[in-house]
Protein backbone atom coordinates (compact mmCIF):
# COMPACT_ATOMS: atom_id res chain seq x y z
CA MET A 1 10.65 169.39 49.69
CA THR A 2 11.10 165.86 50.98
CA THR A 3 7.30 165.18 51.02
CA VAL A 4 6.94 166.37 47.45
CA ASN A 5 9.76 164.10 46.33
CA ILE A 6 8.13 161.05 48.06
CA LEU A 7 4.74 161.79 46.50
CA GLY A 8 6.32 162.29 43.15
CA ASN A 9 8.11 159.01 43.36
CA ALA A 10 4.83 157.25 44.37
CA LEU A 11 2.87 158.76 41.50
CA SER A 12 5.51 157.89 38.98
CA GLY A 13 4.48 154.17 39.44
CA ALA A 14 0.70 154.75 39.75
CA SER A 15 -1.91 152.66 37.83
CA GLY A 16 -5.56 153.23 37.20
CA SER A 17 -7.30 156.58 37.41
CA GLY A 18 -9.33 158.70 39.74
CA SER A 19 -8.71 160.40 43.04
CA PHE A 20 -6.14 159.63 45.67
CA CYS A 21 -7.43 157.41 48.53
CA GLY A 22 -6.34 156.78 52.05
CA ASN A 23 -5.92 153.43 53.79
CA VAL A 24 -9.04 153.78 56.01
CA SER A 25 -12.34 152.87 54.34
CA PRO A 26 -11.26 153.68 50.79
CA SER A 27 -13.81 153.15 48.02
CA LEU A 28 -12.24 151.48 45.03
CA THR A 29 -13.74 150.98 41.61
CA THR A 30 -12.90 147.70 39.81
CA PRO A 31 -9.53 147.36 41.49
CA VAL A 32 -7.23 144.44 40.69
CA LEU A 33 -6.39 143.23 44.18
CA GLY A 34 -3.86 140.62 43.18
CA THR A 35 -3.41 138.09 45.98
CA PRO A 36 -4.11 139.75 49.31
CA THR A 37 -2.25 138.27 52.25
CA SER A 38 -5.38 138.57 54.33
CA GLY A 39 -8.90 139.96 54.20
CA THR A 40 -12.47 139.61 55.45
CA LEU A 41 -15.10 139.34 52.70
CA THR A 42 -18.21 139.34 54.93
CA ASN A 43 -19.72 142.36 53.18
CA CYS A 44 -18.59 141.44 49.67
CA THR A 45 -20.99 140.39 46.86
CA GLY A 46 -20.62 139.06 43.32
CA LEU A 47 -18.07 136.39 44.20
CA PRO A 48 -17.99 133.89 41.26
CA ILE A 49 -18.11 130.20 42.28
CA ALA A 50 -15.16 129.57 40.00
CA GLY A 51 -13.15 131.86 42.22
CA THR A 52 -13.66 129.73 45.32
CA THR A 53 -11.95 126.54 46.44
CA GLY A 54 -12.21 123.84 49.08
CA TYR A 55 -15.46 122.12 47.91
CA GLY A 56 -16.07 118.41 47.57
CA THR A 57 -16.14 116.75 44.16
CA GLY A 58 -18.81 118.30 41.91
CA VAL A 59 -20.04 120.79 44.52
CA ALA A 60 -18.71 123.84 42.73
CA THR A 61 -20.29 122.67 39.49
CA ALA A 62 -23.64 122.10 41.23
CA LEU A 63 -23.51 125.54 42.86
CA ALA A 64 -22.94 127.13 39.48
CA ALA A 65 -25.92 125.36 37.84
CA ASN A 66 -29.37 126.93 37.36
CA VAL A 67 -31.81 126.22 40.23
CA THR A 68 -35.22 124.53 39.66
CA GLY A 69 -38.06 124.42 42.17
CA SER A 70 -38.01 126.18 45.48
CA GLY A 71 -37.35 125.55 49.14
CA GLY A 72 -34.31 124.51 51.14
CA ILE A 73 -31.30 122.46 50.12
CA ALA A 74 -31.83 118.66 50.28
CA LEU A 75 -29.05 116.39 51.54
CA ALA A 76 -28.46 112.75 50.57
CA THR A 77 -29.89 111.05 53.68
CA SER A 78 -33.69 111.09 54.22
CA PRO A 79 -34.49 114.28 52.27
CA SER A 80 -38.10 115.43 52.11
CA PHE A 81 -39.32 116.59 48.70
CA THR A 82 -42.53 118.39 47.85
CA THR A 83 -44.07 117.52 44.45
CA PRO A 84 -40.71 116.75 42.78
CA ALA A 85 -40.49 115.80 39.10
CA LEU A 86 -38.24 112.70 39.39
CA GLY A 87 -37.83 112.06 35.70
CA THR A 88 -36.67 108.48 35.14
CA PRO A 89 -34.67 107.26 38.15
CA SER A 90 -32.10 104.60 37.36
CA ALA A 91 -33.00 102.77 40.59
CA GLY A 92 -35.36 103.07 43.55
CA THR A 93 -37.47 101.18 46.07
CA LEU A 94 -41.12 102.29 46.32
CA THR A 95 -42.14 100.04 49.22
CA SER A 96 -43.33 102.94 51.37
CA CYS A 97 -44.80 105.02 48.54
CA THR A 98 -48.54 105.64 48.16
CA GLY A 99 -50.82 107.18 45.56
CA LEU A 100 -49.35 105.38 42.54
CA PRO A 101 -51.92 105.59 39.68
CA LEU A 102 -52.52 102.10 38.23
CA THR A 103 -53.63 103.36 34.82
CA THR A 104 -50.49 105.39 34.04
CA GLY A 105 -48.00 104.66 36.81
CA VAL A 106 -47.33 100.95 36.32
CA THR A 107 -46.44 98.59 33.50
CA GLY A 108 -46.72 94.81 33.07
CA THR A 109 -49.34 92.33 34.41
CA LEU A 110 -50.11 92.28 38.11
CA PRO A 111 -50.18 88.67 39.43
CA ILE A 112 -53.09 87.30 41.47
CA GLY A 113 -50.81 86.98 44.50
CA ASN A 114 -50.26 90.75 44.40
CA GLY A 115 -53.93 91.60 44.15
CA GLY A 116 -54.19 91.54 40.36
CA THR A 117 -55.90 89.25 37.86
CA ASN A 118 -52.81 87.96 36.02
CA ALA A 119 -54.70 88.81 32.82
CA THR A 120 -54.32 91.51 30.20
CA SER A 121 -57.68 90.90 28.52
CA VAL A 122 -61.17 89.56 29.37
CA THR A 123 -61.31 85.76 29.45
CA ILE A 124 -64.58 84.69 27.79
CA ALA A 125 -63.71 80.98 27.34
CA PRO A 126 -63.42 78.83 30.48
CA VAL A 127 -59.80 78.55 31.63
CA ALA A 128 -58.79 76.86 34.89
CA THR A 129 -57.94 79.28 37.76
CA ALA A 130 -58.52 82.33 35.51
CA PHE A 131 -60.86 85.25 36.12
CA ALA A 132 -64.02 84.94 34.01
CA GLY A 133 -65.45 87.70 31.86
CA TRP A 134 -68.61 88.29 29.83
CA ASP A 135 -68.55 88.06 26.07
CA GLY A 136 -69.94 90.72 23.75
CA ASN A 137 -73.49 89.46 24.30
CA LYS A 138 -73.23 89.51 28.13
CA ASN A 139 -72.93 85.71 28.26
CA LEU A 140 -70.75 84.03 30.88
CA SER A 141 -69.34 80.62 30.03
CA ALA A 142 -68.32 77.86 32.45
CA ASN A 143 -68.14 74.07 32.55
CA ASN A 144 -70.36 74.03 35.63
CA HIS A 145 -71.91 76.42 38.10
CA ILE A 146 -71.87 75.26 41.72
CA GLU A 147 -75.02 76.40 43.48
CA GLY A 148 -75.27 76.86 47.23
CA TYR A 149 -76.81 73.85 48.99
CA ALA A 150 -78.81 73.51 52.21
CA THR A 151 -80.81 70.63 53.67
CA THR A 152 -83.61 70.76 56.25
CA VAL A 153 -85.49 68.01 58.10
CA THR A 154 -89.20 68.72 57.89
CA ALA A 155 -91.11 69.73 61.00
CA ALA A 156 -94.31 71.56 61.85
CA GLN A 157 -92.47 74.82 61.24
CA THR A 158 -91.79 77.60 58.75
CA THR A 159 -88.39 77.78 57.09
CA THR A 160 -87.88 81.39 55.98
CA LEU A 161 -85.50 82.04 53.10
CA THR A 162 -83.63 85.33 52.56
CA VAL A 163 -81.68 86.91 49.75
CA SER A 164 -78.56 85.16 51.08
CA SER A 165 -80.10 81.66 51.33
CA ALA A 166 -78.59 78.81 49.30
CA GLN A 167 -80.13 78.37 45.88
CA LEU A 168 -80.69 74.62 46.36
CA GLN A 169 -83.00 73.81 49.27
CA PHE A 170 -83.44 70.09 50.03
CA PHE A 171 -86.03 68.80 52.51
CA THR A 172 -86.08 65.34 54.09
CA GLY A 173 -88.05 63.69 56.87
CA SER A 174 -91.64 62.64 57.52
CA THR A 175 -93.17 65.35 59.73
CA ALA A 176 -96.10 67.16 58.12
CA SER A 177 -97.01 70.88 58.09
CA GLN A 178 -93.64 72.03 56.74
CA ILE A 179 -93.82 75.53 55.22
CA VAL A 180 -91.14 77.24 53.13
CA GLN A 181 -91.48 81.03 53.01
CA MET A 182 -89.75 82.72 50.09
CA PRO A 183 -87.62 85.88 50.57
CA ALA A 184 -89.14 89.36 50.61
CA VAL A 185 -89.01 90.38 46.95
CA SER A 186 -88.05 93.94 47.88
CA SER A 187 -84.59 92.57 48.74
CA LEU A 188 -84.20 90.75 45.40
CA VAL A 189 -83.73 91.48 41.72
CA THR A 190 -86.03 89.96 39.13
CA GLY A 191 -84.75 86.68 37.80
CA MET A 192 -83.37 85.41 41.11
CA SER A 193 -84.59 81.86 41.71
CA TRP A 194 -84.53 79.01 44.22
CA THR A 195 -84.95 75.27 43.72
CA ILE A 196 -86.92 73.40 46.39
CA VAL A 197 -86.41 69.62 46.37
CA ASN A 198 -88.90 67.61 48.42
CA GLN A 199 -87.19 64.37 49.43
CA ALA A 200 -89.49 64.11 52.45
CA THR A 201 -92.50 61.84 52.64
CA VAL A 202 -94.93 64.71 53.20
CA VAL A 203 -96.31 67.62 51.22
CA ILE A 204 -94.46 70.95 51.58
CA THR A 205 -96.27 74.27 51.31
CA ILE A 206 -94.36 77.12 49.63
CA GLN A 207 -95.52 80.63 50.52
CA SER A 208 -94.69 84.24 49.65
CA SER A 209 -93.33 86.59 52.29
CA GLY A 210 -96.93 87.59 52.97
CA SER A 211 -97.81 83.98 53.91
CA ASN A 212 -99.77 83.44 50.69
CA THR A 213 -99.52 79.91 49.25
CA ILE A 214 -97.68 79.89 45.91
CA LEU A 215 -97.87 76.11 45.49
CA THR A 216 -97.86 72.82 47.37
CA LEU A 217 -95.01 70.47 46.60
CA PRO A 218 -95.73 66.73 46.68
CA ALA A 219 -93.24 64.26 48.07
CA GLY A 220 -90.60 63.42 45.51
CA ALA A 221 -91.19 66.55 43.44
CA THR A 222 -89.00 69.59 42.73
CA ALA A 223 -90.13 73.21 42.37
CA ASN A 224 -88.35 76.16 40.78
CA LEU A 225 -89.41 79.56 42.20
CA THR A 226 -88.42 82.67 40.22
CA CYS A 227 -88.88 86.27 41.35
CA VAL A 228 -90.77 88.17 38.62
CA SER A 229 -91.49 91.38 40.55
CA THR A 230 -89.68 93.24 43.33
CA SER A 231 -92.80 94.72 44.84
CA GLY A 232 -95.65 93.20 46.84
CA THR A 233 -95.84 90.29 49.25
CA GLY A 234 -98.31 88.07 47.37
CA THR A 235 -98.04 85.19 44.94
CA SER A 236 -97.96 87.41 41.83
CA SER A 237 -94.34 88.32 42.57
CA TRP A 238 -93.31 84.68 41.98
CA TYR A 239 -93.45 82.17 39.16
CA GLY A 240 -93.49 78.59 40.39
CA LEU A 241 -92.88 75.48 38.29
CA VAL A 242 -93.19 71.96 39.71
CA ASN A 243 -91.07 69.22 38.17
CA THR A 244 -92.58 65.84 39.00
CA VAL A 245 -90.46 62.71 39.40
CA ILE A 246 -91.26 60.25 36.61
CA ASP A 247 -89.40 56.94 36.64
CA GLU A 248 -89.04 54.37 33.89
CA TRP A 249 -91.50 51.52 33.68
CA VAL A 250 -90.13 48.40 35.42
CA GLN A 251 -91.75 44.99 35.38
CA TYR A 252 -92.55 43.26 38.66
CA THR A 253 -94.35 40.03 39.60
CA PRO A 254 -97.40 40.75 41.77
CA THR A 255 -99.29 38.29 43.97
CA PHE A 256 -102.85 37.51 42.83
CA SER A 257 -105.27 36.50 45.55
CA ALA A 258 -107.18 33.20 45.52
CA GLY A 259 -110.20 34.96 44.04
CA PHE A 260 -108.45 34.85 40.64
CA GLY A 261 -107.69 31.13 40.89
CA THR A 262 -104.26 30.10 39.65
CA ILE A 263 -103.13 32.78 37.23
CA ALA A 264 -102.18 31.26 33.88
CA SER A 265 -99.91 34.19 32.93
CA SER A 266 -99.31 37.83 33.87
CA THR A 267 -97.22 40.80 32.74
CA VAL A 268 -97.35 43.83 35.02
CA TYR A 269 -95.26 47.03 35.06
CA SER A 270 -95.10 49.94 37.47
CA ARG A 271 -93.40 53.33 37.79
CA ARG A 272 -93.38 56.36 40.04
CA VAL A 273 -95.02 59.58 38.86
CA GLY A 274 -94.64 62.17 41.57
CA ALA A 275 -96.41 60.90 44.69
CA ASN A 276 -98.27 58.16 42.81
CA LEU A 277 -97.51 54.62 41.69
CA GLU A 278 -98.81 53.86 38.22
CA ILE A 279 -99.34 50.26 37.12
CA PHE A 280 -100.48 48.58 33.93
CA GLY A 281 -100.54 44.99 32.77
CA ARG A 282 -102.36 41.93 31.47
CA PHE A 283 -103.21 38.66 33.11
CA VAL A 284 -105.16 35.45 32.38
CA THR A 285 -107.36 34.18 35.20
CA GLY A 286 -107.51 30.65 36.49
CA THR A 287 -110.68 29.23 38.01
CA VAL A 288 -112.17 32.25 39.74
CA ALA A 289 -113.46 31.84 43.30
CA GLY A 290 -115.86 33.51 45.70
CA SER A 291 -113.16 35.30 47.72
CA LEU A 292 -111.83 38.84 47.41
CA ALA A 293 -109.89 39.61 44.27
CA THR A 294 -106.69 41.57 45.09
CA ILE A 295 -103.36 42.27 43.39
CA THR A 296 -100.29 43.39 45.37
CA LEU A 297 -98.47 46.62 44.61
CA GLY A 298 -94.79 46.73 43.64
CA TYR A 299 -92.18 49.27 42.60
CA ASN A 300 -88.84 49.23 40.79
CA GLY A 301 -89.04 45.50 40.09
CA THR A 302 -89.90 44.48 43.68
CA ASN A 303 -93.23 43.10 44.83
CA SER A 304 -95.03 44.32 47.97
CA ASN A 305 -92.66 47.17 48.84
CA VAL A 306 -95.07 50.15 48.78
CA THR A 307 -98.26 51.10 50.64
CA SER A 308 -101.16 53.32 49.66
CA ALA A 309 -101.29 56.76 51.26
CA SER A 310 -103.11 57.26 54.55
CA ILE A 311 -105.05 60.25 53.20
CA ILE A 312 -107.22 58.04 50.94
CA PRO A 313 -110.93 57.97 51.94
CA THR A 314 -112.69 54.72 52.79
CA LEU A 315 -112.75 53.36 49.23
CA ILE A 316 -111.96 55.15 45.97
CA VAL A 317 -111.72 54.32 42.30
CA ALA A 318 -108.06 54.19 41.23
CA GLY A 319 -108.28 52.63 37.76
CA TYR A 320 -110.17 50.32 35.48
CA VAL A 321 -110.15 46.81 34.01
CA VAL A 322 -111.07 45.67 30.50
CA GLY A 323 -111.52 42.01 29.56
CA THR A 324 -111.60 39.99 26.35
CA ILE A 325 -115.10 38.69 27.02
CA ALA A 326 -118.40 40.47 26.53
CA ALA A 327 -119.84 41.72 29.80
CA ALA A 328 -122.71 43.87 30.91
CA ALA A 329 -120.78 45.15 33.94
CA THR A 330 -117.92 47.66 34.35
CA ILE A 331 -114.94 46.63 36.48
CA PHE A 332 -113.09 49.29 38.45
CA VAL A 333 -109.86 49.23 40.42
CA THR A 334 -110.70 50.27 43.98
CA LEU A 335 -108.33 51.33 46.74
CA GLU A 336 -108.24 51.74 50.50
CA ALA A 337 -105.86 53.74 52.70
CA SER A 338 -102.62 52.26 54.05
CA VAL A 339 -102.73 48.94 52.21
CA GLY A 340 -100.39 47.15 49.83
CA VAL A 341 -103.02 45.82 47.40
CA ILE A 342 -105.65 46.99 44.97
CA ASN A 343 -109.21 45.67 45.04
CA PHE A 344 -111.85 45.53 42.37
CA GLY A 345 -115.45 46.71 42.20
CA ILE A 346 -118.13 45.76 39.69
CA GLN A 347 -120.81 48.20 38.58
CA ASN A 348 -124.02 46.71 37.18
CA GLY A 349 -127.69 46.44 37.99
CA SER A 350 -127.11 44.49 41.17
CA ASN A 351 -123.61 45.55 42.34
CA SER A 352 -122.06 48.79 43.59
CA GLY A 353 -118.84 49.88 42.00
CA LEU A 354 -117.58 51.08 45.41
CA ALA A 355 -117.71 47.70 47.07
CA LYS A 356 -114.88 45.18 47.12
CA ALA A 357 -115.85 42.33 44.83
CA ASN A 358 -115.06 38.62 44.92
CA GLY A 359 -113.19 37.07 42.04
CA SER A 360 -116.17 35.09 40.76
CA ALA A 361 -118.39 38.20 40.83
CA ALA A 362 -116.08 40.45 38.79
CA PHE A 363 -114.05 38.10 36.58
CA SER A 364 -114.56 35.06 34.39
CA THR A 365 -112.52 31.86 34.41
CA GLY A 366 -109.75 31.66 31.79
CA ALA A 367 -110.29 35.17 30.49
CA THR A 368 -107.66 37.80 29.66
CA TYR A 369 -107.85 41.19 31.35
CA SER A 370 -105.95 44.47 31.07
CA VAL A 371 -105.58 46.66 34.14
CA GLU A 372 -104.42 50.24 34.69
CA ALA A 373 -104.34 52.18 37.97
CA SER A 374 -102.76 55.18 39.73
CA ILE A 375 -102.22 54.85 43.49
CA PRO A 376 -101.08 57.58 45.97
CA ILE A 377 -98.21 56.10 47.96
CA THR A 378 -97.10 56.68 51.56
CA GLY A 379 -93.62 58.17 51.66
CA TRP A 380 -93.78 59.68 48.22
């Protein structure tokens, strides 16, 4: 009877529904536990984050948010991310980052000091310290283009140029048999060119890579060699143009030998044309004499400062003379090697034009004569 009364009293305050349960391993359905004084929730599931406490600021909110990506949880110090989408960070230092695409990953103009050009467009007009660019017609503009420069003292040797040789090649000195061999055209592109300046006193031979002579360059002359084909080793792969030195005419006062007598007047000019001295002038003879008729050479306004070339044969014709008097003979300017004067020869029935004539044999007293001559010069 007592047990029934106890059970009755217990049931009179019961809540919920279902079967009775004991205190060992009961199975409850949606019970309202209230505030247990103790418990172990190791095997429990479905715990809402809002029902937990003890987190740092914002942790509970973060735990309740939807997860993006995959992998482990990243902490604040030295986390390692794999292909994260960073969005737009409010701050960051990318010193150790790599792989940044320049076309889409950066903004602004990269300075020269940082490996850029400091330009946002092609510069087609010359601007100091700026990067140059071609215009719409592939033209490149500049105030000046500084070519590479090299100088060589001539010797009995071959100077071989390559694709990397300086564009301006100057030669000085006085030793003959100097050869300049141009680069192998197979290493070039058509249009590449070199300028050879002969400031030496000897002739320079310019050859192709196959040792074929393209041209010979006189002393004082300049040659431009342009590659016109990238095949072969002969002369046809090159176009050579010789620019000869031509000075202005300058008057000088020559010395007339005693064969002319005392010259009444004279006007004589000279100039350099390549390796030759050209002279022209007029003079009036004095009382001609039976000694050799000679006139000294002069250049750039100075008398007796040049000498005929040593390669000249025994006696050659170097010019002519015309007088104001009627004559049955022809007067020539004759020349010997390594001398500083011109001679004169007379050609008629009794005289050889290739013999040095006396003044009285070739000229008349008090007559006016015009002379022109071209003389190869030593050192030019």
